C-alpha atoms as a PDB file:
ATOM      1  CA  PRO A   1      17.644  71.981 198.750  1.00  0.00           C
ATOM      2  CA  PRO A   2      17.112  74.900 200.380  1.00  0.00           C
ATOM      3  CA  PHE A   3      15.179  72.740 203.972  1.00  0.00           C
ATOM      4  CA  LEU A   4      18.531  71.593 204.381  1.00  0.00           C
ATOM      5  CA  PRO A   5      20.363  73.050 207.563  1.00  0.00           C
ATOM      6  CA  THR A   6      22.851  75.572 206.032  1.00  0.00           C
ATOM      7  CA  SER A   7      25.316  73.477 207.984  1.00  0.00           C
ATOM      8  CA  LEU A   8      24.846  70.389 205.620  1.00  0.00           C
ATOM      9  CA  ARG A   9      24.339  72.334 202.126  1.00  0.00           C
ATOM     10  CA  ILE A  10      27.919  73.732 203.054  1.00  0.00           C
ATOM     11  CA  PHE A  11      29.071  70.315 203.612  1.00  0.00           C
ATOM     12  CA  LEU A  12      27.405  69.018 200.862  1.00  0.00           C
ATOM     13  CA  LYS A  13      28.992  71.611 198.219  1.00  0.00           C
ATOM     14  CA  PHE A  14      32.000  70.849 199.536  1.00  0.00           C
ATOM     15  CA  LEU A  15      31.634  67.512 198.837  1.00  0.00           C
ATOM     16  CA  ASN A  16      30.793  68.320 195.072  1.00  0.00           C
ATOM     17  CA  LYS A  17      33.846  70.319 194.541  1.00  0.00           C
ATOM     18  CA  GLY A  18      36.115  67.706 195.734  1.00  0.00           C
ATOM     19  CA  ALA A  19      34.229  65.312 193.724  1.00  0.00           C
ATOM     20  CA  LYS A  20      35.057  67.832 190.660  1.00  0.00           C
ATOM     21  CA  MET A  21      38.909  68.501 191.444  1.00  0.00           C
ATOM     22  CA  SER A  22      39.220  64.901 191.809  1.00  0.00           C
ATOM     23  CA  LYS A  23      38.083  64.020 188.283  1.00  0.00           C
ATOM     24  CA  LYS A  24      41.273  63.654 185.836  1.00  0.00           C
ATOM     25  CA  LEU A  25      41.145  63.656 182.227  1.00  0.00           C
ATOM     26  CA  LEU A  26      43.846  62.379 179.706  1.00  0.00           C
ATOM     27  CA  ILE A  27      43.143  63.546 176.287  1.00  0.00           C
ATOM     28  CA  PHE A  28      44.845  61.559 173.298  1.00  0.00           C
ATOM     29  CA  ASP A  29      45.847  62.939 169.738  1.00  0.00           C
ATOM     30  CA  LEU A  30      44.857  60.681 167.188  1.00  0.00           C
ATOM     31  CA  ASP A  31      47.135  59.795 164.153  1.00  0.00           C
ATOM     32  CA  GLY A  32      50.663  59.509 165.959  1.00  0.00           C
ATOM     33  CA  THR A  33      49.765  58.667 169.211  1.00  0.00           C
ATOM     34  CA  LEU A  34      47.125  56.254 168.810  1.00  0.00           C
ATOM     35  CA  CYS A  35      47.250  54.966 165.689  1.00  0.00           C
ATOM     36  CA  ASP A  36      50.389  55.122 163.179  1.00  0.00           C
ATOM     37  CA  THR A  37      47.927  56.587 160.220  1.00  0.00           C
ATOM     38  CA  GLN A  38      51.338  57.423 157.643  1.00  0.00           C
ATOM     39  CA  LEU A  39      50.671  53.864 155.780  1.00  0.00           C
ATOM     40  CA  VAL A  40      47.378  54.997 155.528  1.00  0.00           C
ATOM     41  CA  LEU A  41      47.705  58.626 154.093  1.00  0.00           C
ATOM     42  CA  ASP A  42      50.117  57.157 151.716  1.00  0.00           C
ATOM     43  CA  THR A  43      47.822  54.469 150.698  1.00  0.00           C
ATOM     44  CA  MET A  44      45.476  57.357 149.540  1.00  0.00           C
ATOM     45  CA  ILE A  45      47.913  59.036 147.727  1.00  0.00           C
ATOM     46  CA  TYR A  46      48.885  56.370 145.889  1.00  0.00           C
ATOM     47  CA  ALA A  47      45.486  55.526 145.006  1.00  0.00           C
ATOM     48  CA  THR A  48      44.863  59.206 143.746  1.00  0.00           C
ATOM     49  CA  LEU A  49      47.475  59.270 142.224  1.00  0.00           C
ATOM     50  CA  ARG A  50      46.520  56.207 140.133  1.00  0.00           C
ATOM     51  CA  ASP A  51      43.194  57.563 139.349  1.00  0.00           C
ATOM     52  CA  SER A  52      44.813  60.463 137.566  1.00  0.00           C
ATOM     53  CA  GLY A  53      46.356  58.324 135.431  1.00  0.00           C
ATOM     54  CA  VAL A  54      49.620  58.720 136.684  1.00  0.00           C
ATOM     55  CA  ASP A  55      52.201  55.588 136.200  1.00  0.00           C
ATOM     56  CA  VAL A  56      53.127  55.115 139.917  1.00  0.00           C
ATOM     57  CA  GLY A  57      54.255  51.638 140.696  1.00  0.00           C
ATOM     58  CA  SER A  58      53.785  51.017 144.587  1.00  0.00           C
ATOM     59  CA  VAL A  59      52.697  52.949 147.722  1.00  0.00           C
ATOM     60  CA  GLU A  60      57.221  52.224 148.210  1.00  0.00           C
ATOM     61  CA  ASP A  61      57.915  54.865 145.704  1.00  0.00           C
ATOM     62  CA  VAL A  62      55.281  57.368 146.553  1.00  0.00           C
ATOM     63  CA  VAL A  63      56.610  58.062 149.660  1.00  0.00           C
ATOM     64  CA  ARG A  64      60.470  57.742 148.188  1.00  0.00           C
ATOM     65  CA  SER A  65      59.330  60.353 145.991  1.00  0.00           C
ATOM     66  CA  MET A  66      58.186  62.454 148.609  1.00  0.00           C
ATOM     67  CA  GLU A  67      60.931  62.126 151.012  1.00  0.00           C
ATOM     68  CA  GLU A  68      63.255  62.880 147.699  1.00  0.00           C
ATOM     69  CA  ASN A  69      61.271  65.964 146.404  1.00  0.00           C
ATOM     70  CA  GLY A  70      58.922  67.029 149.444  1.00  0.00           C
ATOM     71  CA  LYS A  71      55.054  67.209 148.759  1.00  0.00           C
ATOM     72  CA  GLU A  72      52.590  70.053 148.096  1.00  0.00           C
ATOM     73  CA  ILE A  73      49.223  70.768 149.758  1.00  0.00           C
ATOM     74  CA  ILE A  74      46.927  72.018 146.747  1.00  0.00           C
ATOM     75  CA  GLU A  75      42.770  72.320 146.854  1.00  0.00           C
ATOM     76  CA  LEU A  76      40.644  70.862 149.614  1.00  0.00           C
ATOM     77  CA  ASN A  77      44.386  70.548 151.738  1.00  0.00           C
ATOM     78  CA  SER A  78      44.947  67.119 149.503  1.00  0.00           C
ATOM     79  CA  PRO A  79      48.726  66.124 149.479  1.00  0.00           C
ATOM     80  CA  ILE A  80      50.464  65.443 146.702  1.00  0.00           C
ATOM     81  CA  PRO A  81      54.626  64.429 145.991  1.00  0.00           C
ATOM     82  CA  SER A  82      56.128  67.557 144.419  1.00  0.00           C
ATOM     83  CA  GLU A  83      57.124  65.585 141.465  1.00  0.00           C
ATOM     84  CA  PHE A  84      53.748  64.642 140.311  1.00  0.00           C
ATOM     85  CA  LEU A  85      51.936  68.075 140.221  1.00  0.00           C
ATOM     86  CA  PRO A  86      52.812  68.805 137.034  1.00  0.00           C
ATOM     87  CA  LEU A  87      50.642  65.519 135.682  1.00  0.00           C
ATOM     88  CA  VAL A  88      47.655  66.391 137.649  1.00  0.00           C
ATOM     89  CA  ASP A  89      44.514  68.160 136.737  1.00  0.00           C
ATOM     90  CA  ARG A  90      44.538  69.924 140.518  1.00  0.00           C
ATOM     91  CA  ASN A  91      40.325  70.081 141.068  1.00  0.00           C
ATOM     92  CA  LYS A  92      40.160  66.387 140.104  1.00  0.00           C
ATOM     93  CA  TYR A  93      43.045  65.123 142.277  1.00  0.00           C
ATOM     94  CA  ALA A  94      41.749  66.494 144.985  1.00  0.00           C
ATOM     95  CA  VAL A  95      37.923  65.413 144.500  1.00  0.00           C
ATOM     96  CA  ASP A  96      39.610  61.809 144.046  1.00  0.00           C
ATOM     97  CA  PHE A  97      41.661  62.079 146.913  1.00  0.00           C
ATOM     98  CA  TRP A  98      39.054  62.688 149.473  1.00  0.00           C
ATOM     99  CA  GLU A  99      36.920  59.990 147.951  1.00  0.00           C
ATOM    100  CA  ASN A 100      40.208  58.123 148.594  1.00  0.00           C
ATOM    101  CA  TYR A 101      39.406  59.204 151.815  1.00  0.00           C
ATOM    102  CA  GLN A 102      36.290  58.495 152.823  1.00  0.00           C
ATOM    103  CA  LYS A 103      37.363  54.274 151.285  1.00  0.00           C
ATOM    104  CA  TYR A 104      40.485  54.345 152.934  1.00  0.00           C
ATOM    105  CA  HIS A 105      40.494  56.153 156.296  1.00  0.00           C
ATOM    106  CA  MET A 106      39.053  53.100 158.538  1.00  0.00           C
ATOM    107  CA  MET A 107      42.423  51.169 157.401  1.00  0.00           C
ATOM    108  CA  SER A 108      43.347  53.501 160.702  1.00  0.00           C
ATOM    109  CA  VAL A 109      41.234  50.539 162.805  1.00  0.00           C
ATOM    110  CA  ASP A 110      43.960  48.423 162.245  1.00  0.00           C
ATOM    111  CA  ARG A 111      46.962  50.389 163.200  1.00  0.00           C
ATOM    112  CA  VAL A 112      47.127  51.170 166.345  1.00  0.00           C
ATOM    113  CA  PHE A 113      50.227  51.681 168.359  1.00  0.00           C
ATOM    114  CA  GLU A 114      51.913  48.762 169.848  1.00  0.00           C
ATOM    115  CA  GLY A 115      51.155  49.332 173.942  1.00  0.00           C
ATOM    116  CA  ILE A 116      48.500  51.736 173.338  1.00  0.00           C
ATOM    117  CA  PRO A 117      45.179  48.959 173.872  1.00  0.00           C
ATOM    118  CA  GLU A 118      46.469  47.984 177.273  1.00  0.00           C
ATOM    119  CA  THR A 119      47.787  51.248 178.367  1.00  0.00           C
ATOM    120  CA  ILE A 120      44.076  52.177 177.555  1.00  0.00           C
ATOM    121  CA  ARG A 121      42.616  49.602 179.893  1.00  0.00           C
ATOM    122  CA  GLU A 122      45.160  50.510 182.778  1.00  0.00           C
ATOM    123  CA  LEU A 123      44.230  54.265 182.604  1.00  0.00           C
ATOM    124  CA  LYS A 124      40.419  53.792 182.231  1.00  0.00           C
ATOM    125  CA  ARG A 125      40.636  51.227 185.080  1.00  0.00           C
ATOM    126  CA  ARG A 126      42.614  53.387 187.396  1.00  0.00           C
ATOM    127  CA  GLY A 127      39.881  55.972 186.952  1.00  0.00           C
ATOM    128  CA  TYR A 128      40.874  58.322 184.607  1.00  0.00           C
ATOM    129  CA  LEU A 129      38.547  60.685 182.118  1.00  0.00           C
ATOM    130  CA  LEU A 130      39.734  59.645 178.434  1.00  0.00           C
ATOM    131  CA  GLY A 131      38.966  61.799 175.459  1.00  0.00           C
ATOM    132  CA  VAL A 132      40.279  62.263 171.267  1.00  0.00           C
ATOM    133  CA  LEU A 133      41.327  65.365 170.343  1.00  0.00           C
ATOM    134  CA  SER A 134      42.431  65.371 166.542  1.00  0.00           C
ATOM    135  CA  ASN A 135      43.209  67.082 163.167  1.00  0.00           C
ATOM    136  CA  LYS A 136      40.986  64.868 161.876  1.00  0.00           C
ATOM    137  CA  LYS A 137      37.685  65.218 160.781  1.00  0.00           C
ATOM    138  CA  ASN A 138      34.917  64.422 163.090  1.00  0.00           C
ATOM    139  CA  ARG A 139      33.220  62.505 160.534  1.00  0.00           C
ATOM    140  CA  PHE A 140      36.202  60.507 160.485  1.00  0.00           C
ATOM    141  CA  VAL A 141      37.453  60.286 163.622  1.00  0.00           C
ATOM    142  CA  GLN A 142      34.257  59.028 165.647  1.00  0.00           C
ATOM    143  CA  PRO A 143      33.650  55.448 163.520  1.00  0.00           C
ATOM    144  CA  ILE A 144      37.764  55.073 164.060  1.00  0.00           C
ATOM    145  CA  ILE A 145      37.749  55.279 167.521  1.00  0.00           C
ATOM    146  CA  SER A 146      34.563  53.429 168.197  1.00  0.00           C
ATOM    147  CA  THR A 147      35.707  50.629 165.882  1.00  0.00           C
ATOM    148  CA  ALA A 148      39.211  50.220 167.409  1.00  0.00           C
ATOM    149  CA  PHE A 149      38.593  51.048 170.763  1.00  0.00           C
ATOM    150  CA  GLY A 150      34.848  50.177 171.364  1.00  0.00           C
ATOM    151  CA  ALA A 151      32.493  53.098 171.706  1.00  0.00           C
ATOM    152  CA  ASP A 152      32.909  53.230 175.812  1.00  0.00           C
ATOM    153  CA  THR A 153      36.245  53.495 175.825  1.00  0.00           C
ATOM    154  CA  PHE A 154      36.195  57.309 175.381  1.00  0.00           C
ATOM    155  CA  ASP A 155      34.429  59.946 177.878  1.00  0.00           C
ATOM    156  CA  TYR A 156      34.620  62.477 174.630  1.00  0.00           C
ATOM    157  CA  VAL A 157      35.812  62.147 170.732  1.00  0.00           C
ATOM    158  CA  CYS A 158      36.388  65.667 169.184  1.00  0.00           C
ATOM    159  CA  GLY A 159      37.232  66.326 165.763  1.00  0.00           C
ATOM    160  CA  TRP A 160      37.568  69.297 163.436  1.00  0.00           C
ATOM    161  CA  ASP A 161      34.278  70.711 161.339  1.00  0.00           C
ATOM    162  CA  GLU A 162      32.839  73.612 160.518  1.00  0.00           C
ATOM    163  CA  ILE A 163      32.006  74.882 164.170  1.00  0.00           C
ATOM    164  CA  ARG A 164      34.751  72.529 165.692  1.00  0.00           C
ATOM    165  CA  PRO A 165      38.805  74.377 164.792  1.00  0.00           C
ATOM    166  CA  LYS A 166      41.553  72.921 164.732  1.00  0.00           C
ATOM    167  CA  LYS A 167      44.616  72.440 167.738  1.00  0.00           C
ATOM    168  CA  PRO A 168      46.273  74.366 168.156  1.00  0.00           C
ATOM    169  CA  ASP A 169      42.702  76.717 168.600  1.00  0.00           C
ATOM    170  CA  PRO A 170      41.484  75.387 172.182  1.00  0.00           C
ATOM    171  CA  THR A 171      38.352  75.966 171.512  1.00  0.00           C
ATOM    172  CA  SER A 172      37.474  72.157 171.229  1.00  0.00           C
ATOM    173  CA  LEU A 173      39.517  70.836 174.491  1.00  0.00           C
ATOM    174  CA  LEU A 174      38.175  73.668 176.457  1.00  0.00           C
ATOM    175  CA  ASP A 175      34.349  72.597 175.319  1.00  0.00           C
ATOM    176  CA  MET A 176      35.857  68.976 176.512  1.00  0.00           C
ATOM    177  CA  LEU A 177      36.804  69.926 180.026  1.00  0.00           C
ATOM    178  CA  ALA A 178      33.763  72.220 180.426  1.00  0.00           C
ATOM    179  CA  ALA A 179      31.183  69.533 179.216  1.00  0.00           C
ATOM    180  CA  LEU A 180      33.186  66.509 181.647  1.00  0.00           C
ATOM    181  CA  GLY A 181      33.448  69.190 184.568  1.00  0.00           C
ATOM    182  CA  ILE A 182      37.280  68.948 184.403  1.00  0.00           C
ATOM    183  CA  GLU A 183      39.483  71.303 186.117  1.00  0.00           C
ATOM    184  CA  LYS A 184      42.386  72.594 183.924  1.00  0.00           C
ATOM    185  CA  GLU A 185      45.090  71.235 186.366  1.00  0.00           C
ATOM    186  CA  ASN A 186      43.676  67.799 186.113  1.00  0.00           C
ATOM    187  CA  ALA A 187      43.662  67.614 182.276  1.00  0.00           C
ATOM    188  CA  TRP A 188      46.475  66.519 180.388  1.00  0.00           C
ATOM    189  CA  MET A 189      47.255  66.637 175.960  1.00  0.00           C
ATOM    190  CA  ILE A 190      49.064  63.454 174.909  1.00  0.00           C
ATOM    191  CA  GLY A 191      50.206  63.797 171.308  1.00  0.00           C
ATOM    192  CA  ASP A 192      52.895  64.203 169.084  1.00  0.00           C
ATOM    193  CA  LEU A 193      53.112  67.175 167.109  1.00  0.00           C
ATOM    194  CA  PRO A 194      53.586  70.588 167.772  1.00  0.00           C
ATOM    195  CA  ALA A 195      49.866  71.707 167.566  1.00  0.00           C
ATOM    196  CA  ASP A 196      49.129  68.864 170.092  1.00  0.00           C
ATOM    197  CA  TYR A 197      51.398  70.875 172.558  1.00  0.00           C
ATOM    198  CA  LYS A 198      50.414  74.748 171.687  1.00  0.00           C
ATOM    199  CA  VAL A 199      47.079  73.486 172.109  1.00  0.00           C
ATOM    200  CA  SER A 200      47.955  72.740 175.914  1.00  0.00           C
ATOM    201  CA  VAL A 201      50.307  76.114 176.154  1.00  0.00           C
ATOM    202  CA  ASN A 202      46.732  77.709 174.477  1.00  0.00           C
ATOM    203  CA  ALA A 203      44.113  75.655 177.120  1.00  0.00           C
ATOM    204  CA  GLY A 204      46.452  76.121 180.039  1.00  0.00           C
ATOM    205  CA  ILE A 205      46.365  72.821 180.560  1.00  0.00           C
ATOM    206  CA  ASN A 206      49.592  69.952 180.888  1.00  0.00           C
ATOM    207  CA  HIS A 207      50.987  67.932 178.145  1.00  0.00           C
ATOM    208  CA  VAL A 208      52.741  64.948 177.666  1.00  0.00           C
ATOM    209  CA  ILE A 209      54.711  64.455 174.265  1.00  0.00           C
ATOM    210  CA  ALA A 210      54.277  61.225 172.238  1.00  0.00           C
ATOM    211  CA  ASP A 211      57.723  60.367 171.295  1.00  0.00           C
ATOM    212  CA  TRP A 212      56.308  57.517 169.516  1.00  0.00           C
ATOM    213  CA  GLY A 213      54.688  59.756 167.211  1.00  0.00           C
ATOM    214  CA  TYR A 214      55.829  61.922 164.015  1.00  0.00           C
ATOM    215  CA  GLY A 215      57.067  64.810 165.819  1.00  0.00           C
ATOM    216  CA  LYS A 216      60.892  65.734 166.856  1.00  0.00           C
ATOM    217  CA  LYS A 217      62.022  65.899 170.425  1.00  0.00           C
ATOM    218  CA  LYS A 218      64.334  68.610 169.326  1.00  0.00           C
ATOM    219  CA  LYS A 219      61.737  70.846 168.269  1.00  0.00           C
ATOM    220  CA  PHE A 220      59.467  70.366 171.026  1.00  0.00           C
ATOM    221  CA  ILE A 221      62.423  71.850 173.857  1.00  0.00           C
ATOM    222  CA  ALA A 222      62.483  74.573 171.715  1.00  0.00           C
ATOM    223  CA  LEU A 223      58.921  75.045 172.742  1.00  0.00           C
ATOM    224  CA  GLY A 224      59.036  74.691 176.272  1.00  0.00           C
ATOM    225  CA  ALA A 225      57.878  71.053 176.362  1.00  0.00           C
ATOM    226  CA  THR A 226      59.091  69.495 179.369  1.00  0.00           C
ATOM    227  CA  VAL A 227      57.209  65.830 179.936  1.00  0.00           C
ATOM    228  CA  PHE A 228      58.029  63.495 176.907  1.00  0.00           C
ATOM    229  CA  ALA A 229      56.988  59.252 177.117  1.00  0.00           C
ATOM    230  CA  LYS A 230      59.392  57.031 174.551  1.00  0.00           C
ATOM    231  CA  ASN A 231      56.441  54.709 174.667  1.00  0.00           C
ATOM    232  CA  PRO A 232      52.539  54.258 175.447  1.00  0.00           C
ATOM    233  CA  LEU A 233      53.716  52.173 178.226  1.00  0.00           C
ATOM    234  CA  ASP A 234      55.772  55.058 179.905  1.00  0.00           C
ATOM    235  CA  LEU A 235      52.328  57.124 180.056  1.00  0.00           C
ATOM    236  CA  LEU A 236      51.895  54.222 183.265  1.00  0.00           C
ATOM    237  CA  GLU A 237      54.464  55.193 185.090  1.00  0.00           C
ATOM    238  CA  ILE A 238      53.824  59.441 184.344  1.00  0.00           C
ATOM    239  CA  PHE A 239      50.293  58.723 185.471  1.00  0.00           C
ATOM    240  CA  ASN A 240      50.981  56.431 188.260  1.00  0.00           C
END
């Protein structure tokens, strides 16, 4: 306020700046970092193949097919094992896939990695702010995080949509920092894929590679990553 002595205004400004500088934010990826969702995706592909009339016996058959023959990404960003692509109507498959995505995405709630719940609780107890930045659609991310961890666990949760671009574009990450009042040097991106590391570089923040996820350590080293956590509980040591 203007009526305060100049010395007191300077002191209060210093305190506010110090409070902002002291806040630290840990931003988690979702798939492959908080939750092991590969089975969820495989189940969606299996169900969509069955809806398309493809005689595939089990989810395990889908996994084996993709391991042996690879997969394609077709209309509407829908994945399909390569060997089955000639057997389906591409447009119908794409529509069915996203209908199954809506149906099965909450399976992720039951796929939280071992060690994640206690790690998140302890980091929050230590006073860290917590965020989620996912390349899953925002309308799927919000209910998964609220159900799996509770509505008040994370301070900011963000997926992608028409106004929120995917990682490694840093726009959503920088919006998170601004919304929470976090300096770049006090933020870390924790994720398991190259997009997670690249978004940390593009945004100018710190990184930790979740080595328990889907990425390959050699690839991260080649990109320049230097900080790795073998399992979720290692984060408690890193951020001790």
